[in-house]
N, C-alpha and C. Protein backbone atom coordinates (compact mmCIF):
# COMPACT_ATOMS: atom_id res chain seq x y z
N MET A 1 3.71 19.89 -18.01
CA MET A 1 4.74 20.05 -16.99
C MET A 1 4.28 19.55 -15.64
N TYR A 2 3.06 19.93 -15.25
CA TYR A 2 2.52 19.51 -13.96
C TYR A 2 2.32 18.00 -13.91
N ASN A 3 1.97 17.40 -15.05
CA ASN A 3 1.78 15.95 -15.09
C ASN A 3 3.06 15.22 -14.70
N ILE A 4 4.17 15.62 -15.32
CA ILE A 4 5.46 14.99 -15.03
C ILE A 4 5.87 15.28 -13.59
N LEU A 5 5.64 16.51 -13.17
CA LEU A 5 6.04 16.94 -11.82
C LEU A 5 5.32 16.15 -10.74
N VAL A 6 4.01 15.99 -10.88
CA VAL A 6 3.25 15.29 -9.85
C VAL A 6 3.62 13.81 -9.79
N ILE A 7 3.88 13.20 -10.95
CA ILE A 7 4.30 11.80 -10.97
C ILE A 7 5.63 11.63 -10.24
N LEU A 8 6.57 12.52 -10.53
CA LEU A 8 7.89 12.44 -9.91
C LEU A 8 7.82 12.70 -8.40
N ILE A 9 7.11 13.76 -8.02
CA ILE A 9 7.04 14.11 -6.59
C ILE A 9 6.28 13.05 -5.81
N GLN A 10 5.25 12.47 -6.42
CA GLN A 10 4.49 11.42 -5.72
C GLN A 10 5.38 10.20 -5.49
N PHE A 11 6.22 9.86 -6.45
CA PHE A 11 7.17 8.76 -6.26
C PHE A 11 8.13 9.08 -5.11
N LEU A 12 8.66 10.30 -5.10
CA LEU A 12 9.59 10.69 -4.04
C LEU A 12 8.91 10.70 -2.68
N SER A 13 7.66 11.13 -2.64
CA SER A 13 6.89 11.11 -1.39
C SER A 13 6.73 9.68 -0.89
N GLY A 14 6.38 8.79 -1.79
CA GLY A 14 6.21 7.39 -1.42
C GLY A 14 7.50 6.74 -0.95
N SER A 15 8.63 7.23 -1.44
CA SER A 15 9.92 6.60 -1.15
C SER A 15 10.46 6.96 0.23
N ILE A 16 9.84 7.92 0.92
CA ILE A 16 10.30 8.28 2.27
C ILE A 16 9.83 7.19 3.24
N MET A 17 10.77 6.45 3.80
CA MET A 17 10.44 5.30 4.64
C MET A 17 10.33 5.72 6.10
N TYR A 18 9.15 6.22 6.46
CA TYR A 18 8.94 6.76 7.80
C TYR A 18 9.15 5.71 8.89
N SER A 19 8.66 4.51 8.66
CA SER A 19 8.81 3.46 9.67
C SER A 19 10.28 3.15 9.92
N TYR A 20 11.04 3.07 8.85
CA TYR A 20 12.47 2.77 8.96
C TYR A 20 13.19 3.90 9.70
N ILE A 21 12.83 5.15 9.37
CA ILE A 21 13.45 6.31 10.02
C ILE A 21 13.13 6.33 11.52
N LEU A 22 11.85 6.14 11.85
CA LEU A 22 11.43 6.14 13.25
C LEU A 22 12.11 5.00 14.02
N ALA A 23 12.25 3.85 13.37
CA ALA A 23 12.91 2.72 14.02
C ALA A 23 14.38 3.03 14.27
N ARG A 24 15.05 3.61 13.29
CA ARG A 24 16.46 3.95 13.44
C ARG A 24 16.67 4.97 14.56
N LEU A 25 15.74 5.91 14.66
CA LEU A 25 15.82 6.91 15.73
C LEU A 25 15.65 6.27 17.11
N ASN A 26 15.07 5.07 17.13
CA ASN A 26 14.87 4.34 18.38
C ASN A 26 15.77 3.09 18.45
N ASN A 27 16.89 3.15 17.70
CA ASN A 27 17.92 2.11 17.75
C ASN A 27 17.40 0.72 17.37
N VAL A 28 16.53 0.69 16.37
CA VAL A 28 16.00 -0.58 15.87
C VAL A 28 16.24 -0.66 14.37
N ASN A 29 16.70 -1.80 13.90
CA ASN A 29 16.84 -2.05 12.47
C ASN A 29 15.72 -2.99 12.04
N LEU A 30 14.75 -2.46 11.31
CA LEU A 30 13.59 -3.26 10.93
C LEU A 30 13.96 -4.40 9.98
N ARG A 31 15.10 -4.31 9.35
CA ARG A 31 15.55 -5.41 8.49
C ARG A 31 15.82 -6.68 9.28
N GLU A 32 15.95 -6.54 10.60
CA GLU A 32 16.24 -7.68 11.46
C GLU A 32 15.01 -8.14 12.24
N VAL A 33 13.85 -7.58 11.91
CA VAL A 33 12.61 -7.90 12.63
C VAL A 33 11.70 -8.75 11.75
N ARG A 34 11.24 -9.87 12.28
CA ARG A 34 10.27 -10.74 11.62
C ARG A 34 10.69 -11.06 10.19
N ASP A 35 9.95 -10.55 9.20
CA ASP A 35 10.26 -10.84 7.80
C ASP A 35 11.19 -9.80 7.18
N GLY A 36 11.66 -8.84 7.98
CA GLY A 36 12.56 -7.82 7.46
C GLY A 36 11.87 -6.68 6.74
N ASN A 37 10.54 -6.65 6.77
CA ASN A 37 9.79 -5.60 6.10
C ASN A 37 9.95 -4.27 6.85
N PRO A 38 10.44 -3.21 6.18
CA PRO A 38 10.65 -1.93 6.86
C PRO A 38 9.37 -1.10 6.93
N GLY A 39 8.29 -1.72 7.40
CA GLY A 39 6.99 -1.05 7.44
C GLY A 39 6.46 -0.87 8.85
N SER A 40 5.28 -0.28 8.93
CA SER A 40 4.70 0.08 10.23
C SER A 40 4.33 -1.13 11.08
N SER A 41 3.97 -2.26 10.44
CA SER A 41 3.57 -3.43 11.22
C SER A 41 4.73 -3.97 12.06
N ASN A 42 5.91 -4.01 11.49
CA ASN A 42 7.07 -4.48 12.23
C ASN A 42 7.52 -3.48 13.29
N LEU A 43 7.38 -2.20 12.96
CA LEU A 43 7.70 -1.17 13.96
C LEU A 43 6.75 -1.29 15.15
N TRP A 44 5.48 -1.53 14.86
CA TRP A 44 4.47 -1.72 15.92
C TRP A 44 4.87 -2.87 16.83
N ARG A 45 5.33 -3.95 16.24
CA ARG A 45 5.67 -5.15 17.01
C ARG A 45 6.84 -4.92 17.96
N VAL A 46 7.83 -4.13 17.53
CA VAL A 46 9.03 -3.99 18.36
C VAL A 46 9.02 -2.76 19.26
N LYS A 47 8.26 -1.71 18.86
CA LYS A 47 8.29 -0.47 19.65
C LYS A 47 6.92 -0.04 20.16
N GLY A 48 5.90 -0.87 19.95
CA GLY A 48 4.60 -0.56 20.52
C GLY A 48 3.67 0.19 19.57
N TRP A 49 2.42 0.33 20.01
CA TRP A 49 1.38 0.85 19.13
C TRP A 49 1.53 2.34 18.82
N ARG A 50 2.11 3.12 19.74
CA ARG A 50 2.21 4.56 19.50
C ARG A 50 3.05 4.87 18.26
N LEU A 51 4.27 4.33 18.23
CA LEU A 51 5.11 4.54 17.05
C LEU A 51 4.53 3.83 15.83
N GLY A 52 3.93 2.66 16.06
CA GLY A 52 3.33 1.92 14.96
C GLY A 52 2.21 2.68 14.30
N VAL A 53 1.34 3.27 15.09
CA VAL A 53 0.22 4.05 14.54
C VAL A 53 0.73 5.30 13.83
N LEU A 54 1.73 5.96 14.42
CA LEU A 54 2.30 7.15 13.79
C LEU A 54 2.86 6.81 12.41
N ALA A 55 3.62 5.71 12.34
CA ALA A 55 4.19 5.28 11.05
C ALA A 55 3.09 4.90 10.06
N LEU A 56 2.05 4.23 10.56
CA LEU A 56 0.93 3.83 9.71
C LEU A 56 0.24 5.05 9.09
N ILE A 57 0.01 6.07 9.90
CA ILE A 57 -0.63 7.30 9.42
C ILE A 57 0.25 7.99 8.38
N LEU A 58 1.55 8.07 8.66
CA LEU A 58 2.47 8.72 7.73
C LEU A 58 2.53 7.96 6.40
N ASP A 59 2.55 6.63 6.47
CA ASP A 59 2.58 5.82 5.25
C ASP A 59 1.28 5.97 4.46
N TYR A 60 0.16 6.10 5.18
CA TYR A 60 -1.13 6.30 4.52
C TYR A 60 -1.15 7.65 3.79
N PHE A 61 -0.74 8.70 4.48
CA PHE A 61 -0.84 10.03 3.90
C PHE A 61 0.16 10.27 2.77
N LYS A 62 1.26 9.52 2.74
CA LYS A 62 2.17 9.72 1.61
C LYS A 62 1.59 9.11 0.34
N GLY A 63 0.58 8.28 0.47
CA GLY A 63 -0.15 7.81 -0.69
C GLY A 63 -1.13 8.84 -1.23
N ILE A 64 -1.36 9.88 -0.44
CA ILE A 64 -2.31 10.94 -0.80
C ILE A 64 -1.61 12.22 -1.25
N PHE A 65 -0.60 12.61 -0.48
CA PHE A 65 0.09 13.88 -0.74
C PHE A 65 1.40 13.65 -1.49
N PRO A 66 1.74 14.59 -2.39
CA PRO A 66 1.06 15.86 -2.67
C PRO A 66 0.01 15.77 -3.79
N LEU A 67 -0.29 14.55 -4.23
CA LEU A 67 -1.20 14.36 -5.36
C LEU A 67 -2.52 15.09 -5.17
N VAL A 68 -3.09 14.98 -3.98
CA VAL A 68 -4.40 15.59 -3.73
C VAL A 68 -4.34 17.12 -3.83
N ILE A 69 -3.19 17.70 -3.55
CA ILE A 69 -3.04 19.15 -3.66
C ILE A 69 -3.08 19.56 -5.13
N PHE A 70 -2.38 18.83 -5.98
CA PHE A 70 -2.39 19.12 -7.41
C PHE A 70 -3.81 19.00 -7.98
N ILE A 71 -4.55 18.00 -7.48
CA ILE A 71 -5.93 17.80 -7.95
C ILE A 71 -6.82 18.93 -7.49
N SER A 72 -6.74 19.28 -6.20
CA SER A 72 -7.62 20.31 -5.64
C SER A 72 -7.37 21.69 -6.24
N LYS A 73 -6.14 21.94 -6.67
CA LYS A 73 -5.80 23.22 -7.28
C LYS A 73 -6.10 23.24 -8.79
N GLY A 74 -6.56 22.10 -9.31
CA GLY A 74 -6.89 22.03 -10.72
C GLY A 74 -5.67 21.96 -11.63
N LEU A 75 -4.52 21.64 -11.07
CA LEU A 75 -3.29 21.57 -11.86
C LEU A 75 -3.17 20.25 -12.61
N VAL A 76 -3.83 19.21 -12.09
CA VAL A 76 -3.85 17.90 -12.74
C VAL A 76 -5.28 17.41 -12.79
N GLY A 77 -5.76 17.06 -13.96
CA GLY A 77 -7.14 16.63 -14.09
C GLY A 77 -7.33 15.32 -14.84
N ASN A 78 -6.31 14.95 -15.62
CA ASN A 78 -6.41 13.72 -16.40
C ASN A 78 -6.42 12.51 -15.47
N GLU A 79 -7.44 11.70 -15.60
CA GLU A 79 -7.62 10.59 -14.65
C GLU A 79 -6.51 9.55 -14.74
N TYR A 80 -5.96 9.35 -15.93
CA TYR A 80 -4.87 8.39 -16.08
C TYR A 80 -3.57 8.92 -15.48
N ILE A 81 -3.37 10.24 -15.54
CA ILE A 81 -2.20 10.84 -14.90
C ILE A 81 -2.33 10.72 -13.38
N ILE A 82 -3.54 10.95 -12.87
CA ILE A 82 -3.79 10.81 -11.43
C ILE A 82 -3.55 9.38 -10.99
N ALA A 83 -4.07 8.42 -11.77
CA ALA A 83 -3.88 7.01 -11.44
C ALA A 83 -2.40 6.62 -11.50
N THR A 84 -1.68 7.14 -12.50
CA THR A 84 -0.26 6.85 -12.63
C THR A 84 0.52 7.44 -11.46
N SER A 85 0.16 8.65 -11.07
CA SER A 85 0.82 9.29 -9.92
C SER A 85 0.59 8.49 -8.65
N ALA A 86 -0.65 8.04 -8.45
CA ALA A 86 -0.98 7.24 -7.27
C ALA A 86 -0.17 5.94 -7.27
N LEU A 87 -0.04 5.32 -8.43
CA LEU A 87 0.76 4.10 -8.56
C LEU A 87 2.23 4.37 -8.24
N CYS A 88 2.73 5.53 -8.67
CA CYS A 88 4.12 5.87 -8.42
C CYS A 88 4.39 6.09 -6.94
N GLY A 89 3.40 6.57 -6.20
CA GLY A 89 3.55 6.68 -4.75
C GLY A 89 3.73 5.31 -4.11
N ILE A 90 2.95 4.35 -4.60
CA ILE A 90 3.04 2.97 -4.10
C ILE A 90 4.39 2.37 -4.51
N LEU A 91 4.80 2.61 -5.75
CA LEU A 91 6.09 2.12 -6.23
C LEU A 91 7.24 2.70 -5.41
N GLY A 92 7.12 3.98 -5.05
CA GLY A 92 8.16 4.62 -4.26
C GLY A 92 8.37 3.92 -2.93
N HIS A 93 7.26 3.50 -2.30
CA HIS A 93 7.36 2.79 -1.03
C HIS A 93 7.89 1.37 -1.23
N ALA A 94 7.39 0.70 -2.25
CA ALA A 94 7.78 -0.69 -2.50
C ALA A 94 9.22 -0.83 -2.96
N PHE A 95 9.73 0.19 -3.67
CA PHE A 95 11.09 0.15 -4.20
C PHE A 95 11.80 1.47 -3.88
N SER A 96 11.95 1.73 -2.61
CA SER A 96 12.46 3.01 -2.16
C SER A 96 13.96 3.18 -2.44
N PRO A 97 14.35 4.29 -3.09
CA PRO A 97 15.78 4.58 -3.27
C PRO A 97 16.51 4.73 -1.93
N MET A 98 15.76 5.09 -0.88
CA MET A 98 16.35 5.21 0.45
C MET A 98 16.95 3.90 0.94
N LEU A 99 16.36 2.79 0.51
CA LEU A 99 16.80 1.46 0.96
C LEU A 99 17.32 0.63 -0.21
N LYS A 100 17.99 1.32 -1.14
CA LYS A 100 18.56 0.66 -2.31
C LYS A 100 17.50 -0.12 -3.10
N PHE A 101 16.31 0.51 -3.21
CA PHE A 101 15.17 -0.01 -3.96
C PHE A 101 14.60 -1.31 -3.38
N LYS A 102 14.84 -1.51 -2.07
CA LYS A 102 14.24 -2.64 -1.36
C LYS A 102 13.33 -2.08 -0.27
N GLY A 103 12.15 -1.67 -0.67
CA GLY A 103 11.24 -1.01 0.25
C GLY A 103 10.28 -1.95 0.95
N GLY A 104 9.15 -1.39 1.37
CA GLY A 104 8.16 -2.15 2.11
C GLY A 104 7.11 -2.77 1.22
N LYS A 105 6.06 -3.29 1.85
CA LYS A 105 5.02 -4.00 1.10
C LYS A 105 3.85 -3.10 0.68
N ALA A 106 3.90 -1.83 1.10
CA ALA A 106 3.05 -0.78 0.53
C ALA A 106 1.55 -0.91 0.81
N ILE A 107 1.18 -1.53 1.92
CA ILE A 107 -0.25 -1.69 2.20
C ILE A 107 -0.89 -0.37 2.62
N ALA A 108 -0.28 0.31 3.59
CA ALA A 108 -0.85 1.58 4.06
C ALA A 108 -0.86 2.62 2.94
N THR A 109 0.21 2.66 2.15
CA THR A 109 0.28 3.60 1.03
C THR A 109 -0.77 3.27 -0.03
N THR A 110 -1.05 1.99 -0.20
CA THR A 110 -2.12 1.55 -1.11
C THR A 110 -3.46 2.10 -0.65
N PHE A 111 -3.74 2.04 0.65
CA PHE A 111 -4.98 2.60 1.18
C PHE A 111 -5.08 4.09 0.86
N GLY A 112 -3.96 4.81 1.01
CA GLY A 112 -3.96 6.24 0.70
C GLY A 112 -4.25 6.50 -0.76
N ALA A 113 -3.62 5.73 -1.64
CA ALA A 113 -3.83 5.90 -3.08
C ALA A 113 -5.28 5.64 -3.48
N TRP A 114 -5.87 4.57 -2.93
CA TRP A 114 -7.27 4.28 -3.22
C TRP A 114 -8.20 5.37 -2.68
N SER A 115 -7.80 6.03 -1.60
CA SER A 115 -8.59 7.13 -1.05
C SER A 115 -8.63 8.31 -2.02
N VAL A 116 -7.51 8.58 -2.68
CA VAL A 116 -7.47 9.66 -3.67
C VAL A 116 -8.40 9.35 -4.83
N LEU A 117 -8.36 8.12 -5.31
CA LEU A 117 -9.11 7.75 -6.51
C LEU A 117 -10.58 7.47 -6.26
N THR A 118 -10.92 6.96 -5.07
CA THR A 118 -12.30 6.52 -4.83
C THR A 118 -12.91 7.05 -3.54
N LYS A 119 -12.20 8.00 -2.90
CA LYS A 119 -12.61 8.51 -1.58
C LYS A 119 -12.66 7.35 -0.58
N TRP A 120 -13.81 7.07 0.02
CA TRP A 120 -13.88 6.05 1.08
C TRP A 120 -14.16 4.65 0.54
N GLU A 121 -14.58 4.55 -0.72
CA GLU A 121 -15.11 3.28 -1.22
C GLU A 121 -14.07 2.16 -1.29
N GLY A 122 -12.99 2.38 -2.05
CA GLY A 122 -11.95 1.37 -2.18
C GLY A 122 -11.34 0.96 -0.84
N PRO A 123 -10.90 1.95 -0.01
CA PRO A 123 -10.34 1.60 1.29
C PRO A 123 -11.31 0.85 2.19
N THR A 124 -12.60 1.15 2.09
CA THR A 124 -13.59 0.45 2.92
C THR A 124 -13.68 -1.02 2.54
N ILE A 125 -13.69 -1.30 1.25
CA ILE A 125 -13.75 -2.70 0.79
C ILE A 125 -12.52 -3.46 1.27
N LEU A 126 -11.35 -2.86 1.12
CA LEU A 126 -10.12 -3.50 1.59
C LEU A 126 -10.14 -3.70 3.10
N GLY A 127 -10.52 -2.65 3.82
CA GLY A 127 -10.52 -2.70 5.28
C GLY A 127 -11.50 -3.72 5.84
N VAL A 128 -12.70 -3.78 5.27
CA VAL A 128 -13.70 -4.74 5.73
C VAL A 128 -13.21 -6.17 5.48
N THR A 129 -12.61 -6.40 4.32
CA THR A 129 -12.09 -7.74 4.00
C THR A 129 -11.00 -8.14 4.97
N PHE A 130 -10.07 -7.22 5.25
CA PHE A 130 -9.01 -7.50 6.21
C PHE A 130 -9.58 -7.84 7.58
N THR A 131 -10.59 -7.06 8.00
CA THR A 131 -11.18 -7.25 9.33
C THR A 131 -11.91 -8.58 9.42
N VAL A 132 -12.68 -8.92 8.40
CA VAL A 132 -13.42 -10.19 8.40
C VAL A 132 -12.45 -11.37 8.47
N PHE A 133 -11.37 -11.31 7.69
CA PHE A 133 -10.37 -12.38 7.71
C PHE A 133 -9.75 -12.51 9.10
N THR A 134 -9.47 -11.36 9.72
CA THR A 134 -8.87 -11.37 11.06
C THR A 134 -9.82 -11.96 12.09
N LEU A 135 -11.11 -11.66 11.96
CA LEU A 135 -12.10 -12.19 12.91
C LEU A 135 -12.30 -13.69 12.72
N ILE A 136 -12.28 -14.12 11.45
CA ILE A 136 -12.46 -15.55 11.18
C ILE A 136 -11.23 -16.33 11.63
N LYS A 137 -10.06 -15.73 11.43
CA LYS A 137 -8.81 -16.40 11.78
C LYS A 137 -8.02 -15.49 12.72
N PRO A 138 -8.43 -15.37 13.96
CA PRO A 138 -7.83 -14.40 14.88
C PRO A 138 -6.37 -14.68 15.21
N LYS A 139 -5.90 -15.91 14.96
CA LYS A 139 -4.51 -16.23 15.25
C LYS A 139 -3.62 -16.13 14.01
N ALA A 140 -4.09 -15.33 13.04
CA ALA A 140 -3.35 -15.18 11.78
C ALA A 140 -2.17 -14.24 11.99
N THR A 141 -1.14 -14.75 12.65
CA THR A 141 0.02 -13.93 12.96
C THR A 141 1.20 -14.20 12.04
N LYS A 142 1.12 -15.23 11.22
CA LYS A 142 2.22 -15.55 10.32
C LYS A 142 2.26 -14.57 9.16
N VAL A 143 3.47 -14.34 8.66
CA VAL A 143 3.65 -13.45 7.52
C VAL A 143 2.86 -13.96 6.32
N GLU A 144 2.87 -15.29 6.13
CA GLU A 144 2.17 -15.89 4.99
C GLU A 144 0.67 -15.61 5.04
N GLU A 145 0.11 -15.65 6.24
CA GLU A 145 -1.33 -15.39 6.40
C GLU A 145 -1.65 -13.92 6.17
N ASP A 146 -0.73 -13.05 6.56
CA ASP A 146 -0.90 -11.62 6.28
C ASP A 146 -0.96 -11.38 4.77
N ALA A 147 -0.09 -12.06 4.03
CA ALA A 147 -0.05 -11.91 2.58
C ALA A 147 -1.35 -12.38 1.94
N PHE A 148 -1.88 -13.51 2.42
CA PHE A 148 -3.13 -14.03 1.89
C PHE A 148 -4.28 -13.07 2.16
N ARG A 149 -4.28 -12.47 3.33
CA ARG A 149 -5.33 -11.50 3.69
C ARG A 149 -5.31 -10.31 2.73
N VAL A 150 -4.11 -9.84 2.39
CA VAL A 150 -3.98 -8.70 1.47
C VAL A 150 -4.53 -9.05 0.10
N VAL A 151 -4.14 -10.21 -0.42
CA VAL A 151 -4.62 -10.62 -1.75
C VAL A 151 -6.13 -10.83 -1.73
N LEU A 152 -6.65 -11.35 -0.64
CA LEU A 152 -8.09 -11.53 -0.51
C LEU A 152 -8.82 -10.19 -0.61
N GLY A 153 -8.21 -9.14 -0.04
CA GLY A 153 -8.78 -7.81 -0.15
C GLY A 153 -8.86 -7.34 -1.59
N PHE A 154 -7.84 -7.66 -2.39
CA PHE A 154 -7.85 -7.28 -3.80
C PHE A 154 -8.85 -8.10 -4.61
N VAL A 155 -9.07 -9.33 -4.20
CA VAL A 155 -10.11 -10.14 -4.85
C VAL A 155 -11.47 -9.51 -4.59
N ALA A 156 -11.69 -9.04 -3.37
CA ALA A 156 -12.96 -8.41 -3.01
C ALA A 156 -13.19 -7.11 -3.79
N LEU A 157 -12.12 -6.49 -4.25
CA LEU A 157 -12.23 -5.24 -5.02
C LEU A 157 -12.68 -5.47 -6.47
N ILE A 158 -12.57 -6.69 -6.96
CA ILE A 158 -12.83 -6.96 -8.38
C ILE A 158 -14.24 -6.51 -8.83
N PRO A 159 -15.32 -6.89 -8.12
CA PRO A 159 -16.65 -6.43 -8.58
C PRO A 159 -16.77 -4.92 -8.60
N TYR A 160 -16.20 -4.26 -7.62
CA TYR A 160 -16.24 -2.79 -7.56
C TYR A 160 -15.51 -2.18 -8.75
N VAL A 161 -14.33 -2.69 -9.05
CA VAL A 161 -13.53 -2.17 -10.16
C VAL A 161 -14.23 -2.41 -11.49
N LEU A 162 -14.78 -3.61 -11.68
CA LEU A 162 -15.47 -3.92 -12.94
C LEU A 162 -16.73 -3.08 -13.11
N TYR A 163 -17.46 -2.86 -12.03
CA TYR A 163 -18.65 -2.01 -12.09
C TYR A 163 -18.29 -0.61 -12.57
N ASN A 164 -17.21 -0.06 -11.99
CA ASN A 164 -16.78 1.28 -12.39
C ASN A 164 -16.22 1.30 -13.81
N PHE A 165 -15.57 0.22 -14.19
CA PHE A 165 -15.04 0.12 -15.55
C PHE A 165 -16.17 0.21 -16.58
N TYR A 166 -17.25 -0.52 -16.34
CA TYR A 166 -18.38 -0.52 -17.27
C TYR A 166 -19.22 0.75 -17.18
N ASN A 167 -18.91 1.58 -16.19
CA ASN A 167 -19.59 2.87 -16.07
C ASN A 167 -18.66 4.04 -16.41
N GLY A 168 -17.64 3.73 -17.20
CA GLY A 168 -16.82 4.80 -17.76
C GLY A 168 -15.56 5.15 -17.01
N LYS A 169 -15.25 4.44 -15.93
CA LYS A 169 -14.04 4.74 -15.17
C LYS A 169 -12.97 3.68 -15.44
N GLU A 170 -12.54 3.65 -16.71
CA GLU A 170 -11.57 2.63 -17.14
C GLU A 170 -10.24 2.77 -16.40
N TYR A 171 -9.91 3.99 -15.99
CA TYR A 171 -8.64 4.22 -15.32
C TYR A 171 -8.53 3.45 -14.01
N LEU A 172 -9.67 3.11 -13.38
CA LEU A 172 -9.61 2.34 -12.14
C LEU A 172 -9.10 0.92 -12.37
N LEU A 173 -9.48 0.34 -13.52
CA LEU A 173 -8.97 -0.99 -13.86
C LEU A 173 -7.47 -0.92 -14.11
N TYR A 174 -7.04 0.12 -14.78
CA TYR A 174 -5.60 0.34 -15.02
C TYR A 174 -4.86 0.44 -13.70
N PHE A 175 -5.39 1.24 -12.78
CA PHE A 175 -4.76 1.39 -11.47
C PHE A 175 -4.78 0.09 -10.68
N TYR A 176 -5.90 -0.60 -10.73
CA TYR A 176 -6.04 -1.87 -10.00
C TYR A 176 -5.01 -2.89 -10.46
N VAL A 177 -4.87 -3.04 -11.77
CA VAL A 177 -3.91 -4.02 -12.30
C VAL A 177 -2.49 -3.66 -11.89
N GLY A 178 -2.14 -2.38 -11.98
CA GLY A 178 -0.82 -1.94 -11.57
C GLY A 178 -0.56 -2.15 -10.09
N ASN A 179 -1.53 -1.79 -9.27
CA ASN A 179 -1.42 -1.94 -7.82
C ASN A 179 -1.31 -3.42 -7.43
N LEU A 180 -2.17 -4.24 -8.02
CA LEU A 180 -2.15 -5.68 -7.72
C LEU A 180 -0.81 -6.30 -8.14
N SER A 181 -0.26 -5.85 -9.25
CA SER A 181 1.02 -6.38 -9.71
C SER A 181 2.12 -6.11 -8.69
N ILE A 182 2.13 -4.90 -8.15
CA ILE A 182 3.12 -4.54 -7.12
C ILE A 182 2.92 -5.38 -5.87
N ILE A 183 1.66 -5.51 -5.44
CA ILE A 183 1.34 -6.27 -4.23
C ILE A 183 1.74 -7.74 -4.39
N LEU A 184 1.43 -8.32 -5.53
CA LEU A 184 1.79 -9.73 -5.77
C LEU A 184 3.30 -9.92 -5.78
N TYR A 185 4.00 -8.99 -6.40
CA TYR A 185 5.46 -9.08 -6.44
C TYR A 185 6.05 -9.02 -5.04
N LYS A 186 5.55 -8.10 -4.21
CA LYS A 186 6.11 -7.92 -2.87
C LYS A 186 5.72 -9.06 -1.92
N HIS A 187 4.63 -9.77 -2.21
CA HIS A 187 4.15 -10.82 -1.32
C HIS A 187 4.32 -12.23 -1.90
N TRP A 188 4.95 -12.34 -3.07
CA TRP A 188 4.95 -13.60 -3.79
C TRP A 188 5.52 -14.76 -2.96
N GLY A 189 6.67 -14.56 -2.35
CA GLY A 189 7.28 -15.63 -1.57
C GLY A 189 6.40 -16.07 -0.42
N ASP A 190 5.76 -15.11 0.25
CA ASP A 190 4.88 -15.43 1.37
C ASP A 190 3.64 -16.19 0.90
N LEU A 191 3.11 -15.81 -0.27
CA LEU A 191 1.94 -16.49 -0.81
C LEU A 191 2.25 -17.93 -1.19
N VAL A 192 3.41 -18.14 -1.79
CA VAL A 192 3.83 -19.50 -2.14
C VAL A 192 3.92 -20.35 -0.88
N SER A 193 4.51 -19.81 0.18
CA SER A 193 4.63 -20.53 1.45
C SER A 193 3.26 -20.82 2.05
N PHE A 194 2.35 -19.86 1.92
CA PHE A 194 1.00 -20.04 2.47
C PHE A 194 0.29 -21.21 1.80
N PHE A 195 0.31 -21.23 0.47
CA PHE A 195 -0.42 -22.28 -0.25
C PHE A 195 0.25 -23.64 -0.11
N ARG A 196 1.56 -23.65 0.05
CA ARG A 196 2.24 -24.91 0.32
C ARG A 196 1.81 -25.47 1.68
N GLY A 197 1.73 -24.57 2.67
CA GLY A 197 1.28 -24.99 3.99
C GLY A 197 -0.17 -25.40 4.01
N PHE A 198 -0.98 -24.72 3.19
CA PHE A 198 -2.41 -25.02 3.11
C PHE A 198 -2.63 -26.43 2.52
N LYS A 199 -1.83 -26.77 1.49
CA LYS A 199 -1.95 -28.08 0.85
C LYS A 199 -1.51 -29.20 1.79
N SER A 200 -0.48 -28.91 2.59
CA SER A 200 0.02 -29.92 3.48
C SER A 200 -0.89 -30.08 4.72
């Protein structure tokens, strides 16, 4: 019972579009900003860092809660159920019922989900990769370049995931493949544009 409950609630938690709500409260429609992504990055651009950071934190923590409560109370222990619940939080953000299943790109929520499964390790690898790319290409302001940076972070995760897979944590590979599939789907158009521009 708890397994089904945590999966369902984690999806519902992920589906709450905090950035979109905060933008609407400030008379902004994020669907009309930049690439139309209803996430914290676009809110940051139009309403400043304070609201942007607040939305970023909320999106991060919805990747964690309430899953971490179920884990800490010992109500859910199966690693594949935990991984599935974490994936459902990401799915909730990416395909939110609040926005007719047209949600955000789920980056902050992905960081939260990896925090549940790997504590600081997974998010650190992603964060360092994002930072290095930004430092190397400081003018990476295009949506297409943002998408490439995200995928680059997932490429950097491969050795970590494989190491854990061969040490008995097969569920991490399952989670990684599911998470990467969502990320690729949400960024596919931007990635195609990036590589077309790169070739030209």
